[in-house]
Amino acid sequence: AFAAGYNPNEAVLAVTRGTLQRLTRDELQGVIGHEFSHILNGD
């Protein structure tokens, strides 16, 4: 998965098909939390 954009106002999140099909909801939430860190921290 990845997060991309110049700032939080126009950020996007992208995940692979494998992420959707292979992870539980808790695990998906952990991945999204990881990517939100990149959004919030200016990465």
PDB file of all heavy atoms in Angstrom:
ATOM      1  N   ALA A   1       0.853  -1.187   0.000  1.00  0.00           N
ATOM      2  CA  ALA A   1       0.000   0.000   0.000  1.00  0.00           C
ATOM      3  C   ALA A   1       0.887   1.234   0.000  1.00  0.00           C
ATOM      4  O   ALA A   1       2.080   1.162   0.324  1.00  0.00           O
ATOM      5  CB  ALA A   1      -0.917   0.004   1.227  1.00  0.00           C
ATOM      6  N   PHE A   2       0.317   2.377  -0.357  1.00  0.00           N
ATOM      7  CA  PHE A   2       1.059   3.640  -0.233  1.00  0.00           C
ATOM      8  C   PHE A   2       0.077   4.797  -0.106  1.00  0.00           C
ATOM      9  O   PHE A   2      -1.108   4.684  -0.445  1.00  0.00           O
ATOM     10  CB  PHE A   2       2.004   3.867  -1.425  1.00  0.00           C
ATOM     11  CG  PHE A   2       1.338   4.118  -2.755  1.00  0.00           C
ATOM     12  CD1 PHE A   2       0.859   5.366  -3.103  1.00  0.00           C
ATOM     13  CD2 PHE A   2       1.205   3.088  -3.687  1.00  0.00           C
ATOM     14  CE1 PHE A   2       0.258   5.603  -4.335  1.00  0.00           C
ATOM     15  CE2 PHE A   2       0.608   3.305  -4.919  1.00  0.00           C
ATOM     16  CZ  PHE A   2       0.129   4.567  -5.239  1.00  0.00           C
ATOM     17  N   ALA A   3       0.584   5.913   0.413  1.00  0.00           N
ATOM     18  CA  ALA A   3      -0.143   7.186   0.450  1.00  0.00           C
ATOM     19  C   ALA A   3       0.652   8.184  -0.370  1.00  0.00           C
ATOM     20  O   ALA A   3       1.880   8.161  -0.363  1.00  0.00           O
ATOM     21  CB  ALA A   3      -0.291   7.680   1.895  1.00  0.00           C
ATOM     22  N   ALA A   4      -0.042   9.060  -1.090  1.00  0.00           N
ATOM     23  CA  ALA A   4       0.653  10.030  -1.943  1.00  0.00           C
ATOM     24  C   ALA A   4      -0.139  11.326  -1.979  1.00  0.00           C
ATOM     25  O   ALA A   4      -1.360  11.340  -1.802  1.00  0.00           O
ATOM     26  CB  ALA A   4       0.837   9.468  -3.351  1.00  0.00           C
ATOM     27  N   GLY A   5       0.573  12.415  -2.225  1.00  0.00           N
ATOM     28  CA  GLY A   5      -0.045  13.733  -2.322  1.00  0.00           C
ATOM     29  C   GLY A   5       0.893  14.787  -1.787  1.00  0.00           C
ATOM     30  O   GLY A   5       1.911  14.482  -1.156  1.00  0.00           O
ATOM     31  N   TYR A   6       0.567  16.038  -2.056  1.00  0.00           N
ATOM     32  CA  TYR A   6       1.404  17.133  -1.576  1.00  0.00           C
ATOM     33  C   TYR A   6       1.024  17.580  -0.168  1.00  0.00           C
ATOM     34  O   TYR A   6       1.833  18.140   0.547  1.00  0.00           O
ATOM     35  CB  TYR A   6       1.322  18.326  -2.533  1.00  0.00           C
ATOM     36  CG  TYR A   6       2.100  18.104  -3.812  1.00  0.00           C
ATOM     37  CD1 TYR A   6       1.446  17.880  -5.017  1.00  0.00           C
ATOM     38  CD2 TYR A   6       3.491  18.096  -3.812  1.00  0.00           C
ATOM     39  CE1 TYR A   6       2.159  17.665  -6.185  1.00  0.00           C
ATOM     40  CE2 TYR A   6       4.216  17.880  -4.970  1.00  0.00           C
ATOM     41  CZ  TYR A   6       3.546  17.669  -6.155  1.00  0.00           C
ATOM     42  OH  TYR A   6       4.261  17.444  -7.307  1.00  0.00           O
ATOM     43  N   ASN A   7      -0.217  17.377   0.237  1.00  0.00           N
ATOM     44  CA  ASN A   7      -0.630  17.687   1.605  1.00  0.00           C
ATOM     45  C   ASN A   7      -1.904  16.911   1.914  1.00  0.00           C
ATOM     46  O   ASN A   7      -2.510  16.305   1.017  1.00  0.00           O
ATOM     47  CB  ASN A   7      -0.814  19.205   1.806  1.00  0.00           C
ATOM     48  CG  ASN A   7      -1.931  19.777   0.960  1.00  0.00           C
ATOM     49  OD1 ASN A   7      -3.063  19.301   0.999  1.00  0.00           O
ATOM     50  ND2 ASN A   7      -1.636  20.810   0.189  1.00  0.00           N
ATOM     51  N   PRO A   8      -2.330  16.889   3.173  1.00  0.00           N
ATOM     52  CA  PRO A   8      -3.494  16.072   3.541  1.00  0.00           C
ATOM     53  C   PRO A   8      -4.774  16.416   2.793  1.00  0.00           C
ATOM     54  O   PRO A   8      -5.669  15.585   2.690  1.00  0.00           O
ATOM     55  CB  PRO A   8      -3.648  16.350   5.047  1.00  0.00           C
ATOM     56  CG  PRO A   8      -2.266  16.705   5.513  1.00  0.00           C
ATOM     57  CD  PRO A   8      -1.658  17.468   4.370  1.00  0.00           C
ATOM     58  N   ASN A   9      -4.874  17.635   2.261  1.00  0.00           N
ATOM     59  CA  ASN A   9      -6.099  18.035   1.586  1.00  0.00           C
ATOM     60  C   ASN A   9      -6.341  17.283   0.285  1.00  0.00           C
ATOM     61  O   ASN A   9      -7.477  17.218  -0.191  1.00  0.00           O
ATOM     62  CB  ASN A   9      -6.080  19.540   1.295  1.00  0.00           C
ATOM     63  CG  ASN A   9      -6.289  20.359   2.542  1.00  0.00           C
ATOM     64  OD1 ASN A   9      -7.215  20.122   3.294  1.00  0.00           O
ATOM     65  ND2 ASN A   9      -5.410  21.306   2.789  1.00  0.00           N
ATOM     66  N   GLU A  10      -5.294  16.754  -0.342  1.00  0.00           N
ATOM     67  CA  GLU A  10      -5.493  16.048  -1.609  1.00  0.00           C
ATOM     68  C   GLU A  10      -4.792  14.698  -1.595  1.00  0.00           C
ATOM     69  O   GLU A  10      -4.385  14.194  -2.631  1.00  0.00           O
ATOM     70  CB  GLU A  10      -5.034  16.917  -2.790  1.00  0.00           C
ATOM     71  CG  GLU A  10      -3.626  17.482  -2.691  1.00  0.00           C
ATOM     72  CD  GLU A  10      -2.575  16.550  -3.267  1.00  0.00           C
ATOM     73  OE1 GLU A  10      -2.757  16.033  -4.372  1.00  0.00           O
ATOM     74  OE2 GLU A  10      -1.565  16.330  -2.578  1.00  0.00           O
ATOM     75  N   ALA A  11      -4.674  14.111  -0.417  1.00  0.00           N
ATOM     76  CA  ALA A  11      -4.006  12.815  -0.304  1.00  0.00           C
ATOM     77  C   ALA A  11      -4.853  11.708  -0.909  1.00  0.00           C
ATOM     78  O   ALA A  11      -6.083  11.795  -0.969  1.00  0.00           O
ATOM     79  CB  ALA A  11      -3.733  12.510   1.167  1.00  0.00           C
ATOM     80  N   VAL A  12      -4.184  10.668  -1.366  1.00  0.00           N
ATOM     81  CA  VAL A  12      -4.862   9.451  -1.796  1.00  0.00           C
ATOM     82  C   VAL A  12      -4.203   8.270  -1.099  1.00  0.00           C
ATOM     83  O   VAL A  12      -3.030   8.322  -0.729  1.00  0.00           O
ATOM     84  CB  VAL A  12      -4.816   9.246  -3.331  1.00  0.00           C
ATOM     85  CG1 VAL A  12      -5.342  10.451  -4.071  1.00  0.00           C
ATOM     86  CG2 VAL A  12      -3.414   8.891  -3.801  1.00  0.00           C
ATOM     87  N   LEU A  13      -4.978   7.212  -0.917  1.00  0.00           N
ATOM     88  CA  LEU A  13      -4.467   5.952  -0.394  1.00  0.00           C
ATOM     89  C   LEU A  13      -4.670   4.883  -1.457  1.00  0.00           C
ATOM     90  O   LEU A  13      -5.735   4.817  -2.077  1.00  0.00           O
ATOM     91  CB  LEU A  13      -5.221   5.547   0.872  1.00  0.00           C
ATOM     92  CG  LEU A  13      -4.794   6.207   2.181  1.00  0.00           C
ATOM     93  CD1 LEU A  13      -5.816   5.921   3.266  1.00  0.00           C
ATOM     94  CD2 LEU A  13      -3.441   5.689   2.612  1.00  0.00           C
ATOM     95  N   ALA A  14      -3.657   4.064  -1.674  1.00  0.00           N
ATOM     96  CA  ALA A  14      -3.764   2.973  -2.642  1.00  0.00           C
ATOM     97  C   ALA A  14      -3.334   1.678  -1.973  1.00  0.00           C
ATOM     98  O   ALA A  14      -2.335   1.646  -1.249  1.00  0.00           O
ATOM     99  CB  ALA A  14      -2.884   3.253  -3.863  1.00  0.00           C
ATOM    100  N   VAL A  15      -4.100   0.623  -2.202  1.00  0.00           N
ATOM    101  CA  VAL A  15      -3.757  -0.701  -1.684  1.00  0.00           C
ATOM    102  C   VAL A  15      -3.825  -1.697  -2.824  1.00  0.00           C
ATOM    103  O   VAL A  15      -4.540  -1.499  -3.807  1.00  0.00           O
ATOM    104  CB  VAL A  15      -4.697  -1.143  -0.538  1.00  0.00           C
ATOM    105  CG1 VAL A  15      -4.699  -0.141   0.592  1.00  0.00           C
ATOM    106  CG2 VAL A  15      -6.112  -1.366  -1.048  1.00  0.00           C
ATOM    107  N   THR A  16      -3.076  -2.771  -2.702  1.00  0.00           N
ATOM    108  CA  THR A  16      -3.109  -3.809  -3.724  1.00  0.00           C
ATOM    109  C   THR A  16      -4.331  -4.710  -3.537  1.00  0.00           C
ATOM    110  O   THR A  16      -4.932  -4.764  -2.461  1.00  0.00           O
ATOM    111  CB  THR A  16      -1.848  -4.677  -3.653  1.00  0.00           C
ATOM    112  OG1 THR A  16      -1.802  -5.311  -2.361  1.00  0.00           O
ATOM    113  CG2 THR A  16      -0.588  -3.845  -3.844  1.00  0.00           C
ATOM    114  N   ARG A  17      -4.665  -5.435  -4.600  1.00  0.00           N
ATOM    115  CA  ARG A  17      -5.732  -6.419  -4.500  1.00  0.00           C
ATOM    116  C   ARG A  17      -5.398  -7.472  -3.444  1.00  0.00           C
ATOM    117  O   ARG A  17      -6.269  -7.919  -2.696  1.00  0.00           O
ATOM    118  CB  ARG A  17      -5.932  -7.078  -5.872  1.00  0.00           C
ATOM    119  CG  ARG A  17      -6.902  -8.241  -5.912  1.00  0.00           C
ATOM    120  CD  ARG A  17      -8.298  -7.856  -5.506  1.00  0.00           C
ATOM    121  NE  ARG A  17      -8.840  -6.772  -6.305  1.00  0.00           N
ATOM    122  CZ  ARG A  17     -10.027  -6.214  -6.089  1.00  0.00           C
ATOM    123  NH1 ARG A  17     -10.776  -6.640  -5.091  1.00  0.00           N
ATOM    124  NH2 ARG A  17     -10.453  -5.227  -6.852  1.00  0.00           N
ATOM    125  N   GLY A  18      -4.113  -7.830  -3.357  1.00  0.00           N
ATOM    126  CA  GLY A  18      -3.708  -8.795  -2.349  1.00  0.00           C
ATOM    127  C   GLY A  18      -3.946  -8.308  -0.935  1.00  0.00           C
ATOM    128  O   GLY A  18      -4.279  -9.090  -0.038  1.00  0.00           O
ATOM    129  N   THR A  19      -3.778  -7.003  -0.702  1.00  0.00           N
ATOM    130  CA  THR A  19      -4.043  -6.441   0.621  1.00  0.00           C
ATOM    131  C   THR A  19      -5.506  -6.622   0.998  1.00  0.00           C
ATOM    132  O   THR A  19      -5.829  -6.971   2.144  1.00  0.00           O
ATOM    133  CB  THR A  19      -3.667  -4.948   0.643  1.00  0.00           C
ATOM    134  OG1 THR A  19      -2.282  -4.801   0.334  1.00  0.00           O
ATOM    135  CG2 THR A  19      -3.944  -4.329   1.999  1.00  0.00           C
ATOM    136  N   LEU A  20      -6.392  -6.386   0.066  1.00  0.00           N
ATOM    137  CA  LEU A  20      -7.815  -6.547   0.341  1.00  0.00           C
ATOM    138  C   LEU A  20      -8.180  -7.999   0.597  1.00  0.00           C
ATOM    139  O   LEU A  20      -8.993  -8.305   1.473  1.00  0.00           O
ATOM    140  CB  LEU A  20      -8.639  -6.021  -0.837  1.00  0.00           C
ATOM    141  CG  LEU A  20      -8.652  -4.514  -1.081  1.00  0.00           C
ATOM    142  CD1 LEU A  20      -9.602  -4.179  -2.223  1.00  0.00           C
ATOM    143  CD2 LEU A  20      -9.050  -3.754   0.167  1.00  0.00           C
ATOM    144  N   GLN A  21      -7.584  -8.904  -0.178  1.00  0.00           N
ATOM    145  CA  GLN A  21      -8.010 -10.300  -0.143  1.00  0.00           C
ATOM    146  C   GLN A  21      -7.292 -11.138   0.907  1.00  0.00           C
ATOM    147  O   GLN A  21      -7.794 -12.199   1.292  1.00  0.00           O
ATOM    148  CB  GLN A  21      -7.801 -10.933  -1.523  1.00  0.00           C
ATOM    149  CG  GLN A  21      -8.692 -10.332  -2.605  1.00  0.00           C
ATOM    150  CD  GLN A  21      -8.448 -10.954  -3.961  1.00  0.00           C
ATOM    151  OE1 GLN A  21      -7.345 -11.451  -4.249  1.00  0.00           O
ATOM    152  NE2 GLN A  21      -9.452 -10.930  -4.824  1.00  0.00           N
ATOM    153  N   ARG A  22      -6.138 -10.703   1.366  1.00  0.00           N
ATOM    154  CA  ARG A  22      -5.337 -11.545   2.249  1.00  0.00           C
ATOM    155  C   ARG A  22      -5.331 -11.088   3.709  1.00  0.00           C
ATOM    156  O   ARG A  22      -4.883 -11.826   4.583  1.00  0.00           O
ATOM    157  CB  ARG A  22      -3.886 -11.608   1.740  1.00  0.00           C
ATOM    158  CG  ARG A  22      -3.743 -12.234   0.360  1.00  0.00           C
ATOM    159  CD  ARG A  22      -2.281 -12.207  -0.078  1.00  0.00           C
ATOM    160  NE  ARG A  22      -2.102 -12.682  -1.448  1.00  0.00           N
ATOM    161  CZ  ARG A  22      -1.951 -13.950  -1.800  1.00  0.00           C
ATOM    162  NH1 ARG A  22      -1.959 -14.887  -0.880  1.00  0.00           N
ATOM    163  NH2 ARG A  22      -1.791 -14.284  -3.071  1.00  0.00           N
ATOM    164  N   LEU A  23      -5.779  -9.868   3.982  1.00  0.00           N
ATOM    165  CA  LEU A  23      -5.707  -9.338   5.342  1.00  0.00           C
ATOM    166  C   LEU A  23      -7.071  -9.332   6.011  1.00  0.00           C
ATOM    167  O   LEU A  23      -8.103  -9.136   5.368  1.00  0.00           O
ATOM    168  CB  LEU A  23      -5.148  -7.908   5.327  1.00  0.00           C
ATOM    169  CG  LEU A  23      -3.741  -7.705   4.763  1.00  0.00           C
ATOM    170  CD1 LEU A  23      -3.316  -6.256   4.961  1.00  0.00           C
ATOM    171  CD2 LEU A  23      -2.738  -8.652   5.394  1.00  0.00           C
ATOM    172  N   THR A  24      -7.058  -9.513   7.327  1.00  0.00           N
ATOM    173  CA  THR A  24      -8.274  -9.325   8.117  1.00  0.00           C
ATOM    174  C   THR A  24      -8.542  -7.838   8.266  1.00  0.00           C
ATOM    175  O   THR A  24      -7.712  -6.996   7.907  1.00  0.00           O
ATOM    176  CB  THR A  24      -8.128  -9.946   9.512  1.00  0.00           C
ATOM    177  OG1 THR A  24      -7.131  -9.193  10.247  1.00  0.00           O
ATOM    178  CG2 THR A  24      -7.702 -11.402   9.432  1.00  0.00           C
ATOM    179  N   ARG A  25      -9.681  -7.502   8.847  1.00  0.00           N
ATOM    180  CA  ARG A  25      -9.999  -6.092   9.008  1.00  0.00           C
ATOM    181  C   ARG A  25      -9.010  -5.396   9.945  1.00  0.00           C
ATOM    182  O   ARG A  25      -8.599  -4.267   9.695  1.00  0.00           O
ATOM    183  CB  ARG A  25     -11.423  -5.921   9.543  1.00  0.00           C
ATOM    184  CG  ARG A  25     -11.907  -4.475   9.458  1.00  0.00           C
ATOM    185  CD  ARG A  25     -13.296  -4.315  10.039  1.00  0.00           C
ATOM    186  NE  ARG A  25     -13.912  -3.086   9.588  1.00  0.00           N
ATOM    187  CZ  ARG A  25     -13.651  -1.884  10.106  1.00  0.00           C
ATOM    188  NH1 ARG A  25     -12.774  -1.772  11.080  1.00  0.00           N
ATOM    189  NH2 ARG A  25     -14.248  -0.802   9.644  1.00  0.00           N
ATOM    190  N   ASP A  26      -8.639  -6.053  11.034  1.00  0.00           N
ATOM    191  CA  ASP A  26      -7.666  -5.467  11.953  1.00  0.00           C
ATOM    192  C   ASP A  26      -6.346  -5.202  11.249  1.00  0.00           C
ATOM    193  O   ASP A  26      -5.700  -4.161  11.450  1.00  0.00           O
ATOM    194  CB  ASP A  26      -7.439  -6.391  13.150  1.00  0.00           C
ATOM    195  CG  ASP A  26      -8.583  -6.315  14.156  1.00  0.00           C
ATOM    196  OD1 ASP A  26      -9.520  -5.524  13.929  1.00  0.00           O
ATOM    197  OD2 ASP A  26      -8.533  -7.053  15.156  1.00  0.00           O
ATOM    198  N   GLU A  27      -5.906  -6.164  10.439  1.00  0.00           N
ATOM    199  CA  GLU A  27      -4.637  -6.004   9.717  1.00  0.00           C
ATOM    200  C   GLU A  27      -4.743  -4.901   8.673  1.00  0.00           C
ATOM    201  O   GLU A  27      -3.809  -4.105   8.496  1.00  0.00           O
ATOM    202  CB  GLU A  27      -4.244  -7.334   9.069  1.00  0.00           C
ATOM    203  CG  GLU A  27      -3.856  -8.400  10.088  1.00  0.00           C
ATOM    204  CD  GLU A  27      -3.894  -9.805   9.531  1.00  0.00           C
ATOM    205  OE1 GLU A  27      -4.356  -9.988   8.377  1.00  0.00           O
ATOM    206  OE2 GLU A  27      -3.464 -10.739  10.237  1.00  0.00           O
ATOM    207  N   LEU A  28      -5.881  -4.828   7.986  1.00  0.00           N
ATOM    208  CA  LEU A  28      -6.093  -3.740   7.025  1.00  0.00           C
ATOM    209  C   LEU A  28      -6.068  -2.399   7.737  1.00  0.00           C
ATOM    210  O   LEU A  28      -5.485  -1.425   7.250  1.00  0.00           O
ATOM    211  CB  LEU A  28      -7.436  -3.939   6.316  1.00  0.00           C
ATOM    212  CG  LEU A  28      -7.846  -2.856   5.319  1.00  0.00           C
ATOM    213  CD1 LEU A  28      -6.861  -2.775   4.163  1.00  0.00           C
ATOM    214  CD2 LEU A  28      -9.258  -3.105   4.801  1.00  0.00           C
ATOM    215  N   GLN A  29      -6.664  -2.351   8.922  1.00  0.00           N
ATOM    216  CA  GLN A  29      -6.661  -1.110   9.683  1.00  0.00           C
ATOM    217  C   GLN A  29      -5.234  -0.714  10.088  1.00  0.00           C
ATOM    218  O   GLN A  29      -4.882   0.468  10.076  1.00  0.00           O
ATOM    219  CB  GLN A  29      -7.540  -1.266  10.920  1.00  0.00           C
ATOM    220  CG  GLN A  29      -7.843   0.042  11.625  1.00  0.00           C
ATOM    221  CD  GLN A  29      -8.802  -0.170  12.767  1.00  0.00           C
ATOM    222  OE1 GLN A  29      -8.520  -0.938  13.675  1.00  0.00           O
ATOM    223  NE2 GLN A  29      -9.934   0.493  12.732  1.00  0.00           N
ATOM    224  N   GLY A  30      -4.419  -1.701  10.436  1.00  0.00           N
ATOM    225  CA  GLY A  30      -3.027  -1.403  10.753  1.00  0.00           C
ATOM    226  C   GLY A  30      -2.284  -0.833   9.567  1.00  0.00           C
ATOM    227  O   GLY A  30      -1.495   0.117   9.700  1.00  0.00           O
ATOM    228  N   VAL A  31      -2.522  -1.383   8.369  1.00  0.00           N
ATOM    229  CA  VAL A  31      -1.881  -0.872   7.149  1.00  0.00           C
ATOM    230  C   VAL A  31      -2.339   0.561   6.877  1.00  0.00           C
ATOM    231  O   VAL A  31      -1.521   1.442   6.561  1.00  0.00           O
ATOM    232  CB  VAL A  31      -2.207  -1.791   5.956  1.00  0.00           C
ATOM    233  CG1 VAL A  31      -1.800  -1.133   4.638  1.00  0.00           C
ATOM    234  CG2 VAL A  31      -1.502  -3.125   6.113  1.00  0.00           C
ATOM    235  N   ILE A  32      -3.638   0.816   7.007  1.00  0.00           N
ATOM    236  CA  ILE A  32      -4.152   2.167   6.767  1.00  0.00           C
ATOM    237  C   ILE A  32      -3.604   3.138   7.814  1.00  0.00           C
ATOM    238  O   ILE A  32      -3.266   4.288   7.501  1.00  0.00           O
ATOM    239  CB  ILE A  32      -5.696   2.166   6.777  1.00  0.00           C
ATOM    240  CG1 ILE A  32      -6.236   1.271   5.663  1.00  0.00           C
ATOM    241  CG2 ILE A  32      -6.232   3.581   6.623  1.00  0.00           C
ATOM    242  CD1 ILE A  32      -5.756   1.635   4.272  1.00  0.00           C
ATOM    243  N   GLY A  33      -3.471   2.684   9.059  1.00  0.00           N
ATOM    244  CA  GLY A  33      -2.862   3.534  10.083  1.00  0.00           C
ATOM    245  C   GLY A  33      -1.429   3.884   9.742  1.00  0.00           C
ATOM    246  O   GLY A  33      -0.979   5.014   9.954  1.00  0.00           O
ATOM    247  N   HIS A  34      -0.684   2.918   9.209  1.00  0.00           N
ATOM    248  CA  HIS A  34       0.692   3.152   8.766  1.00  0.00           C
ATOM    249  C   HIS A  34       0.716   4.243   7.698  1.00  0.00           C
ATOM    250  O   HIS A  34       1.538   5.171   7.756  1.00  0.00           O
ATOM    251  CB  HIS A  34       1.262   1.844   8.216  1.00  0.00           C
ATOM    252  CG  HIS A  34       2.637   1.958   7.644  1.00  0.00           C
ATOM    253  ND1 HIS A  34       3.765   1.509   8.309  1.00  0.00           N
ATOM    254  CD2 HIS A  34       3.084   2.450   6.456  1.00  0.00           C
ATOM    255  CE1 HIS A  34       4.822   1.738   7.552  1.00  0.00           C
ATOM    256  NE2 HIS A  34       4.439   2.298   6.423  1.00  0.00           N
ATOM    257  N   GLU A  35      -0.191   4.148   6.725  1.00  0.00           N
ATOM    258  CA  GLU A  35      -0.204   5.130   5.641  1.00  0.00           C
ATOM    259  C   GLU A  35      -0.699   6.489   6.120  1.00  0.00           C
ATOM    260  O   GLU A  35      -0.235   7.526   5.636  1.00  0.00           O
ATOM    261  CB  GLU A  35      -1.060   4.615   4.482  1.00  0.00           C
ATOM    262  CG  GLU A  35      -0.554   3.323   3.859  1.00  0.00           C
ATOM    263  CD  GLU A  35       0.919   3.387   3.452  1.00  0.00           C
ATOM    264  OE1 GLU A  35       1.387   4.469   3.066  1.00  0.00           O
ATOM    265  OE2 GLU A  35       1.601   2.357   3.543  1.00  0.00           O
ATOM    266  N   PHE A  36      -1.632   6.502   7.073  1.00  0.00           N
ATOM    267  CA  PHE A  36      -2.066   7.790   7.625  1.00  0.00           C
ATOM    268  C   PHE A  36      -0.922   8.491   8.344  1.00  0.00           C
ATOM    269  O   PHE A  36      -0.873   9.719   8.394  1.00  0.00           O
ATOM    270  CB  PHE A  36      -3.250   7.589   8.577  1.00  0.00           C
ATOM    271  CG  PHE A  36      -4.575   7.923   7.952  1.00  0.00           C
ATOM    272  CD1 PHE A  36      -5.183   7.034   7.083  1.00  0.00           C
ATOM    273  CD2 PHE A  36      -5.205   9.119   8.212  1.00  0.00           C
ATOM    274  CE1 PHE A  36      -6.395   7.323   6.497  1.00  0.00           C
ATOM    275  CE2 PHE A  36      -6.422   9.431   7.635  1.00  0.00           C
ATOM    276  CZ  PHE A  36      -7.021   8.529   6.771  1.00  0.00           C
ATOM    277  N   SER A  37      -0.010   7.721   8.906  1.00  0.00           N
ATOM    278  CA  SER A  37       1.167   8.338   9.516  1.00  0.00           C
ATOM    279  C   SER A  37       1.951   9.135   8.484  1.00  0.00           C
ATOM    280  O   SER A  37       2.404  10.247   8.752  1.00  0.00           O
ATOM    281  CB  SER A  37       2.056   7.253  10.135  1.00  0.00           C
ATOM    282  OG  SER A  37       3.306   7.784  10.519  1.00  0.00           O
ATOM    283  N   HIS A  38       2.111   8.572   7.294  1.00  0.00           N
ATOM    284  CA  HIS A  38       2.821   9.297   6.232  1.00  0.00           C
ATOM    285  C   HIS A  38       2.058  10.558   5.826  1.00  0.00           C
ATOM    286  O   HIS A  38       2.666  11.584   5.501  1.00  0.00           O
ATOM    287  CB  HIS A  38       3.014   8.389   5.019  1.00  0.00           C
ATOM    288  CG  HIS A  38       3.976   7.268   5.239  1.00  0.00           C
ATOM    289  ND1 HIS A  38       5.248   7.460   5.740  1.00  0.00           N
ATOM    290  CD2 HIS A  38       3.871   5.929   5.012  1.00  0.00           C
ATOM    291  CE1 HIS A  38       5.883   6.298   5.825  1.00  0.00           C
ATOM    292  NE2 HIS A  38       5.068   5.353   5.396  1.00  0.00           N
ATOM    293  N   ILE A  39       0.716  10.484   5.828  1.00  0.00           N
ATOM    294  CA  ILE A  39      -0.086  11.660   5.486  1.00  0.00           C
ATOM    295  C   ILE A  39       0.088  12.749   6.535  1.00  0.00           C
ATOM    296  O   ILE A  39       0.320  13.917   6.218  1.00  0.00           O
ATOM    297  CB  ILE A  39      -1.576  11.279   5.365  1.00  0.00           C
ATOM    298  CG1 ILE A  39      -1.800  10.347   4.169  1.00  0.00           C
ATOM    299  CG2 ILE A  39      -2.449  12.531   5.223  1.00  0.00           C
ATOM    300  CD1 ILE A  39      -3.219   9.819   4.062  1.00  0.00           C
ATOM    301  N   LEU A  40      -0.007  12.373   7.806  1.00  0.00           N
ATOM    302  CA  LEU A  40       0.009  13.352   8.887  1.00  0.00           C
ATOM    303  C   LEU A  40       1.397  13.911   9.164  1.00  0.00           C
ATOM    304  O   LEU A  40       1.536  15.043   9.623  1.00  0.00           O
ATOM    305  CB  LEU A  40      -0.547  12.727  10.166  1.00  0.00           C
ATOM    306  CG  LEU A  40      -2.037  12.364  10.145  1.00  0.00           C
ATOM    307  CD1 LEU A  40      -2.390  11.508  11.343  1.00  0.00           C
ATOM    308  CD2 LEU A  40      -2.886  13.621  10.133  1.00  0.00           C
ATOM    309  N   ASN A  41       2.438  13.126   8.893  1.00  0.00           N
ATOM    310  CA  ASN A  41       3.783  13.520   9.301  1.00  0.00           C
ATOM    311  C   ASN A  41       4.580  14.247   8.235  1.00  0.00           C
ATOM    312  O   ASN A  41       5.758  14.506   8.415  1.00  0.00           O
ATOM    313  CB  ASN A  41       4.566  12.283   9.754  1.00  0.00           C
ATOM    314  CG  ASN A  41       4.045  11.725  11.060  1.00  0.00           C
ATOM    315  OD1 ASN A  41       3.515  12.465  11.879  1.00  0.00           O
ATOM    316  ND2 ASN A  41       4.167  10.430  11.258  1.00  0.00           N
ATOM    317  N   GLY A  42       3.951  14.574   7.110  1.00  0.00           N
ATOM    318  CA  GLY A  42       4.646  15.359   6.093  1.00  0.00           C
ATOM    319  C   GLY A  42       5.551  14.559   5.195  1.00  0.00           C
ATOM    320  O   GLY A  42       6.329  15.138   4.427  1.00  0.00           O
ATOM    321  N   ASP A  43       5.486  13.218   5.261  1.00  0.00           N
ATOM    322  CA  ASP A  43       6.341  12.398   4.404  1.00  0.00           C
ATOM    323  C   ASP A  43       5.953  12.506   2.936  1.00  0.00           C
ATOM    324  O   ASP A  43       6.800  12.415   2.049  1.00  0.00           O
ATOM    325  CB  ASP A  43       6.242  10.919   4.806  1.00  0.00           C
ATOM    326  CG  ASP A  43       6.770  10.663   6.211  1.00  0.00           C
ATOM    327  OD1 ASP A  43       7.440  11.552   6.749  1.00  0.00           O
ATOM    328  OD2 ASP A  43       6.502   9.577   6.750  1.00  0.00           O
TER     329      ASP A  43
END
